[in-house]
Amino acid sequence: MAPTSSSSAVDALDAPDRRTLLDAARAAIAGGLEGRSASVKDLPAQSAALRRHAATFVTLEIGGELRGCIGTLEAFQPLIVDTAENAYSAAFRDPRFAPLAAAEFERLDVHISILGTPEPMTFISEEDLLAQLRPGIDGLILNELGRRGTFLPAVWESVADPREFLGYLKLKAGLPRDYWSSTVQIYRYVTTSVS
């Protein structure tokens, strides 16, 4: 059976599935603190929604401050597996932070973003692109010159202006903030949050 789209997985999530996802994320991190790799126990017993392929980002915070964020942009494995692996990576492999310490675990807030399918945007100029952006709704992926960067929709909470949002995304992708080219590719996606 071919994997279904990530939007199908998002649409089918009920409250128990959401709790299971959060539990799987925390279990992966707890396992990492004990020297184990991320794994999902008894995958066949999980709900159909949690077994559908989906891309996720897992964001970790302590006291409202970022403590790690790692994710995937393409749906290539079951939602619950992607979540567990990204939770583990956010805790122990985010290059911006030291690996999570056991003393931090109880204070850790886990936020899961399930990505809808990215859609290519069509625009004739940077101004045209900026006019199409939906603050608070759109996550963006920027591809240019072999570089890639993404911002989740949650970034709009700290960068509300579309021009600033795009400028910081360019910086994240390793491009100058004022960079523009007719070859820039932008994809937009929405997310469903679980926390």
C-alpha atoms as a PDB file:
ATOM      1  CA  MET A   1       0.000   0.000   0.000  1.00  0.00           C
ATOM      2  CA  ALA A   2       1.381   3.421  -0.949  1.00  0.00           C
ATOM      3  CA  PRO A   3       1.845   5.957   1.813  1.00  0.00           C
ATOM      4  CA  THR A   4      -0.905   8.526   2.105  1.00  0.00           C
ATOM      5  CA  SER A   5      -0.287  12.239   2.158  1.00  0.00           C
ATOM      6  CA  SER A   6       0.628  14.109   5.295  1.00  0.00           C
ATOM      7  CA  SER A   7      -2.603  16.109   5.134  1.00  0.00           C
ATOM      8  CA  SER A   8      -4.557  12.850   5.509  1.00  0.00           C
ATOM      9  CA  ALA A   9      -2.594  12.025   8.637  1.00  0.00           C
ATOM     10  CA  VAL A  10      -3.274  15.467  10.060  1.00  0.00           C
ATOM     11  CA  ASP A  11      -6.992  15.333   9.304  1.00  0.00           C
ATOM     12  CA  ALA A  12      -7.393  11.972  11.038  1.00  0.00           C
ATOM     13  CA  LEU A  13      -5.714  12.883  14.343  1.00  0.00           C
ATOM     14  CA  ASP A  14      -7.975  12.683  17.358  1.00  0.00           C
ATOM     15  CA  ALA A  15      -7.165  13.501  20.996  1.00  0.00           C
ATOM     16  CA  PRO A  16      -5.774  10.018  21.817  1.00  0.00           C
ATOM     17  CA  ASP A  17      -3.513  10.142  18.713  1.00  0.00           C
ATOM     18  CA  ARG A  18      -2.217  13.552  19.765  1.00  0.00           C
ATOM     19  CA  ARG A  19      -1.467  12.259  23.278  1.00  0.00           C
ATOM     20  CA  THR A  20       0.283   9.214  21.800  1.00  0.00           C
ATOM     21  CA  LEU A  21       2.455  11.476  19.613  1.00  0.00           C
ATOM     22  CA  LEU A  22       3.502  13.581  22.591  1.00  0.00           C
ATOM     23  CA  ASP A  23       4.184  10.445  24.630  1.00  0.00           C
ATOM     24  CA  ALA A  24       6.312   9.011  21.795  1.00  0.00           C
ATOM     25  CA  ALA A  25       8.330  12.238  21.588  1.00  0.00           C
ATOM     26  CA  ARG A  26       8.975  12.307  25.334  1.00  0.00           C
ATOM     27  CA  ALA A  27       9.789   8.581  25.379  1.00  0.00           C
ATOM     28  CA  ALA A  28      12.366   9.067  22.607  1.00  0.00           C
ATOM     29  CA  ILE A  29      14.032  11.841  24.590  1.00  0.00           C
ATOM     30  CA  ALA A  30      13.920   9.843  27.842  1.00  0.00           C
ATOM     31  CA  GLY A  31      15.448   6.882  26.006  1.00  0.00           C
ATOM     32  CA  GLY A  32      18.206   9.116  24.688  1.00  0.00           C
ATOM     33  CA  LEU A  33      19.031  10.196  28.224  1.00  0.00           C
ATOM     34  CA  GLU A  34      19.493   6.491  29.019  1.00  0.00           C
ATOM     35  CA  GLY A  35      21.733   5.908  26.005  1.00  0.00           C
ATOM     36  CA  ARG A  36      19.103   4.381  23.700  1.00  0.00           C
ATOM     37  CA  SER A  37      18.221   5.514  20.178  1.00  0.00           C
ATOM     38  CA  ALA A  38      14.773   6.752  19.187  1.00  0.00           C
ATOM     39  CA  SER A  39      12.342   3.927  18.505  1.00  0.00           C
ATOM     40  CA  VAL A  40       8.614   3.348  18.395  1.00  0.00           C
ATOM     41  CA  LYS A  41       7.345   0.264  20.147  1.00  0.00           C
ATOM     42  CA  ASP A  42       4.799  -1.914  18.381  1.00  0.00           C
ATOM     43  CA  LEU A  43       4.263   0.235  15.281  1.00  0.00           C
ATOM     44  CA  PRO A  44       1.597  -2.113  13.797  1.00  0.00           C
ATOM     45  CA  ALA A  45      -0.592  -1.547  16.879  1.00  0.00           C
ATOM     46  CA  GLN A  46      -0.653   2.234  16.363  1.00  0.00           C
ATOM     47  CA  SER A  47      -3.679   3.903  14.782  1.00  0.00           C
ATOM     48  CA  ALA A  48      -3.850   4.245  11.002  1.00  0.00           C
ATOM     49  CA  ALA A  49      -3.394   8.024  11.352  1.00  0.00           C
ATOM     50  CA  LEU A  50      -0.128   7.590  13.262  1.00  0.00           C
ATOM     51  CA  ARG A  51       1.161   5.071  10.716  1.00  0.00           C
ATOM     52  CA  ARG A  52       0.518   7.335   7.711  1.00  0.00           C
ATOM     53  CA  HIS A  53       3.552   9.072   6.269  1.00  0.00           C
ATOM     54  CA  ALA A  54       3.987  12.667   7.413  1.00  0.00           C
ATOM     55  CA  ALA A  55       6.736  15.234   7.911  1.00  0.00           C
ATOM     56  CA  THR A  56       7.181  16.830  11.312  1.00  0.00           C
ATOM     57  CA  PHE A  57       9.224  19.334  13.247  1.00  0.00           C
ATOM     58  CA  VAL A  58       9.700  18.950  16.983  1.00  0.00           C
ATOM     59  CA  THR A  59      10.447  22.093  18.975  1.00  0.00           C
ATOM     60  CA  LEU A  60      11.708  21.862  22.545  1.00  0.00           C
ATOM     61  CA  GLU A  61      11.454  24.732  25.007  1.00  0.00           C
ATOM     62  CA  ILE A  62      12.368  25.287  28.632  1.00  0.00           C
ATOM     63  CA  GLY A  63      10.691  28.246  30.330  1.00  0.00           C
ATOM     64  CA  GLY A  64       9.569  29.593  26.957  1.00  0.00           C
ATOM     65  CA  GLU A  65      13.127  29.576  25.578  1.00  0.00           C
ATOM     66  CA  LEU A  66      14.112  27.461  22.582  1.00  0.00           C
ATOM     67  CA  ARG A  67      16.089  24.347  23.580  1.00  0.00           C
ATOM     68  CA  GLY A  68      16.131  22.533  20.238  1.00  0.00           C
ATOM     69  CA  CYS A  69      14.233  22.214  16.974  1.00  0.00           C
ATOM     70  CA  ILE A  70      14.723  19.583  14.280  1.00  0.00           C
ATOM     71  CA  GLY A  71      12.432  18.325  11.554  1.00  0.00           C
ATOM     72  CA  THR A  72      11.842  16.950   8.107  1.00  0.00           C
ATOM     73  CA  LEU A  73      10.246  18.596   5.085  1.00  0.00           C
ATOM     74  CA  GLU A  74       9.192  15.517   3.129  1.00  0.00           C
ATOM     75  CA  ALA A  75       6.844  12.786   4.303  1.00  0.00           C
ATOM     76  CA  PHE A  76       8.810   9.536   3.978  1.00  0.00           C
ATOM     77  CA  GLN A  77       8.013   7.539   7.116  1.00  0.00           C
ATOM     78  CA  PRO A  78       5.140   7.025   9.577  1.00  0.00           C
ATOM     79  CA  LEU A  79       4.083  10.125  11.495  1.00  0.00           C
ATOM     80  CA  ILE A  80       4.826   8.588  14.887  1.00  0.00           C
ATOM     81  CA  VAL A  81       8.303   7.436  13.769  1.00  0.00           C
ATOM     82  CA  ASP A  82       9.130  10.839  12.275  1.00  0.00           C
ATOM     83  CA  THR A  83       8.001  12.513  15.494  1.00  0.00           C
ATOM     84  CA  ALA A  84      10.075  10.234  17.739  1.00  0.00           C
ATOM     85  CA  GLU A  85      13.204  10.604  15.603  1.00  0.00           C
ATOM     86  CA  ASN A  86      12.878  14.389  15.392  1.00  0.00           C
ATOM     87  CA  ALA A  87      12.257  14.682  19.147  1.00  0.00           C
ATOM     88  CA  TYR A  88      15.434  12.683  19.791  1.00  0.00           C
ATOM     89  CA  SER A  89      17.393  14.818  17.310  1.00  0.00           C
ATOM     90  CA  ALA A  90      16.035  18.085  18.740  1.00  0.00           C
ATOM     91  CA  ALA A  91      17.193  17.011  22.203  1.00  0.00           C
ATOM     92  CA  PHE A  92      20.603  15.620  21.299  1.00  0.00           C
ATOM     93  CA  ARG A  93      21.623  16.689  17.779  1.00  0.00           C
ATOM     94  CA  ASP A  94      20.613  20.320  17.301  1.00  0.00           C
ATOM     95  CA  PRO A  95      24.014  21.923  16.592  1.00  0.00           C
ATOM     96  CA  ARG A  96      22.962  25.165  18.276  1.00  0.00           C
ATOM     97  CA  PHE A  97      22.719  23.515  21.701  1.00  0.00           C
ATOM     98  CA  ALA A  98      24.566  21.099  23.944  1.00  0.00           C
ATOM     99  CA  PRO A  99      22.827  17.731  24.245  1.00  0.00           C
ATOM    100  CA  LEU A 100      19.908  17.795  26.678  1.00  0.00           C
ATOM    101  CA  ALA A 101      20.844  16.987  30.274  1.00  0.00           C
ATOM    102  CA  ALA A 102      18.741  14.713  32.486  1.00  0.00           C
ATOM    103  CA  ALA A 103      18.095  17.599  34.884  1.00  0.00           C
ATOM    104  CA  GLU A 104      16.333  19.510  32.080  1.00  0.00           C
ATOM    105  CA  PHE A 105      13.890  16.766  31.120  1.00  0.00           C
ATOM    106  CA  GLU A 106      11.103  17.529  33.615  1.00  0.00           C
ATOM    107  CA  ARG A 107      11.050  21.202  32.600  1.00  0.00           C
ATOM    108  CA  LEU A 108      10.894  20.413  28.886  1.00  0.00           C
ATOM    109  CA  ASP A 109       7.910  21.552  26.820  1.00  0.00           C
ATOM    110  CA  VAL A 110       7.466  19.551  23.607  1.00  0.00           C
ATOM    111  CA  HIS A 111       5.727  21.042  20.565  1.00  0.00           C
ATOM    112  CA  ILE A 112       5.082  18.984  17.432  1.00  0.00           C
ATOM    113  CA  SER A 113       4.313  20.605  14.083  1.00  0.00           C
ATOM    114  CA  ILE A 114       2.857  18.278  11.453  1.00  0.00           C
ATOM    115  CA  LEU A 115       3.480  19.701   8.005  1.00  0.00           C
ATOM    116  CA  GLY A 116       0.953  19.716   5.229  1.00  0.00           C
ATOM    117  CA  THR A 117       2.218  19.053   1.715  1.00  0.00           C
ATOM    118  CA  PRO A 118       4.420  21.972   0.524  1.00  0.00           C
ATOM    119  CA  GLU A 119       2.965  23.776  -2.491  1.00  0.00           C
ATOM    120  CA  PRO A 120       5.109  25.769  -4.942  1.00  0.00           C
ATOM    121  CA  MET A 121       4.310  29.477  -5.062  1.00  0.00           C
ATOM    122  CA  THR A 122       4.156  31.412  -8.331  1.00  0.00           C
ATOM    123  CA  PHE A 123       5.280  35.047  -8.320  1.00  0.00           C
ATOM    124  CA  ILE A 124       6.813  37.550 -10.723  1.00  0.00           C
ATOM    125  CA  SER A 125       8.834  39.569  -8.217  1.00  0.00           C
ATOM    126  CA  GLU A 126       9.753  39.753  -4.554  1.00  0.00           C
ATOM    127  CA  GLU A 127       6.970  42.293  -4.027  1.00  0.00           C
ATOM    128  CA  ASP A 128       4.476  39.892  -5.619  1.00  0.00           C
ATOM    129  CA  LEU A 129       5.670  37.113  -3.326  1.00  0.00           C
ATOM    130  CA  LEU A 130       5.410  39.313  -0.225  1.00  0.00           C
ATOM    131  CA  ALA A 131       1.848  40.293  -1.174  1.00  0.00           C
ATOM    132  CA  GLN A 132       0.847  36.616  -1.293  1.00  0.00           C
ATOM    133  CA  LEU A 133       2.225  35.632   2.121  1.00  0.00           C
ATOM    134  CA  ARG A 134      -0.269  34.842   4.868  1.00  0.00           C
ATOM    135  CA  PRO A 135       1.276  35.855   8.218  1.00  0.00           C
ATOM    136  CA  GLY A 136       0.530  33.367  10.966  1.00  0.00           C
ATOM    137  CA  ILE A 137      -0.548  30.703   8.469  1.00  0.00           C
ATOM    138  CA  ASP A 138       2.240  30.021   5.989  1.00  0.00           C
ATOM    139  CA  GLY A 139       5.374  28.058   6.652  1.00  0.00           C
ATOM    140  CA  LEU A 140       7.920  28.708   3.909  1.00  0.00           C
ATOM    141  CA  ILE A 141      10.682  26.731   2.252  1.00  0.00           C
ATOM    142  CA  LEU A 142      13.239  28.690   0.224  1.00  0.00           C
ATOM    143  CA  ASN A 143      15.459  26.956  -2.371  1.00  0.00           C
ATOM    144  CA  GLU A 144      18.206  28.840  -4.183  1.00  0.00           C
ATOM    145  CA  LEU A 145      21.765  28.151  -5.371  1.00  0.00           C
ATOM    146  CA  GLY A 146      21.750  24.729  -3.726  1.00  0.00           C
ATOM    147  CA  ARG A 147      20.756  26.275  -0.397  1.00  0.00           C
ATOM    148  CA  ARG A 148      17.588  25.612   1.524  1.00  0.00           C
ATOM    149  CA  GLY A 149      15.888  27.061   4.563  1.00  0.00           C
ATOM    150  CA  THR A 150      12.485  26.856   6.190  1.00  0.00           C
ATOM    151  CA  PHE A 151      10.477  28.734   8.781  1.00  0.00           C
ATOM    152  CA  LEU A 152       7.475  27.172  10.480  1.00  0.00           C
ATOM    153  CA  PRO A 153       4.295  29.268  10.732  1.00  0.00           C
ATOM    154  CA  ALA A 154       5.072  29.729  14.458  1.00  0.00           C
ATOM    155  CA  VAL A 155       7.982  32.035  13.478  1.00  0.00           C
ATOM    156  CA  TRP A 156       5.383  34.676  12.551  1.00  0.00           C
ATOM    157  CA  GLU A 157       4.825  35.133  16.305  1.00  0.00           C
ATOM    158  CA  SER A 158       8.274  36.727  16.613  1.00  0.00           C
ATOM    159  CA  VAL A 159       8.646  38.121  13.057  1.00  0.00           C
ATOM    160  CA  ALA A 160       5.240  39.463  11.994  1.00  0.00           C
ATOM    161  CA  ASP A 161       6.290  41.568   8.998  1.00  0.00           C
ATOM    162  CA  PRO A 162       6.382  39.597   5.704  1.00  0.00           C
ATOM    163  CA  ARG A 163       9.506  41.416   4.424  1.00  0.00           C
ATOM    164  CA  GLU A 164      11.359  40.729   7.686  1.00  0.00           C
ATOM    165  CA  PHE A 165      10.139  37.116   7.702  1.00  0.00           C
ATOM    166  CA  LEU A 166      11.480  36.558   4.181  1.00  0.00           C
ATOM    167  CA  GLY A 167      14.717  38.395   4.970  1.00  0.00           C
ATOM    168  CA  TYR A 168      15.447  36.194   7.982  1.00  0.00           C
ATOM    169  CA  LEU A 169      14.567  33.112   5.951  1.00  0.00           C
ATOM    170  CA  LYS A 170      17.158  34.126   3.343  1.00  0.00           C
ATOM    171  CA  LEU A 171      19.747  34.488   6.113  1.00  0.00           C
ATOM    172  CA  LYS A 172      18.833  31.067   7.457  1.00  0.00           C
ATOM    173  CA  ALA A 173      19.392  29.618   3.984  1.00  0.00           C
ATOM    174  CA  GLY A 174      22.851  31.248   3.880  1.00  0.00           C
ATOM    175  CA  LEU A 175      21.917  34.069   1.513  1.00  0.00           C
ATOM    176  CA  PRO A 176      22.171  37.835   2.051  1.00  0.00           C
ATOM    177  CA  ARG A 177      19.046  39.341   3.541  1.00  0.00           C
ATOM    178  CA  ASP A 178      18.514  41.574   0.496  1.00  0.00           C
ATOM    179  CA  TYR A 179      19.200  38.780  -2.017  1.00  0.00           C
ATOM    180  CA  TRP A 180      16.777  38.308  -4.896  1.00  0.00           C
ATOM    181  CA  SER A 181      16.874  36.349  -8.139  1.00  0.00           C
ATOM    182  CA  SER A 182      14.348  35.155 -10.696  1.00  0.00           C
ATOM    183  CA  THR A 183      15.412  31.584  -9.847  1.00  0.00           C
ATOM    184  CA  VAL A 184      14.360  31.696  -6.172  1.00  0.00           C
ATOM    185  CA  GLN A 185      11.905  28.904  -5.411  1.00  0.00           C
ATOM    186  CA  ILE A 186       9.417  29.280  -2.566  1.00  0.00           C
ATOM    187  CA  TYR A 187       7.051  26.608  -1.264  1.00  0.00           C
ATOM    188  CA  ARG A 188       4.389  27.204   1.317  1.00  0.00           C
ATOM    189  CA  TYR A 189       2.826  24.787   3.767  1.00  0.00           C
ATOM    190  CA  VAL A 190       0.535  24.849   6.771  1.00  0.00           C
ATOM    191  CA  THR A 191       1.000  22.918   9.985  1.00  0.00           C
ATOM    192  CA  THR A 192      -1.082  21.295  12.645  1.00  0.00           C
ATOM    193  CA  SER A 193       0.327  21.809  16.123  1.00  0.00           C
ATOM    194  CA  VAL A 194       0.345  19.234  18.878  1.00  0.00           C
ATOM    195  CA  SER A 195       1.535  20.256  22.348  1.00  0.00           C
END
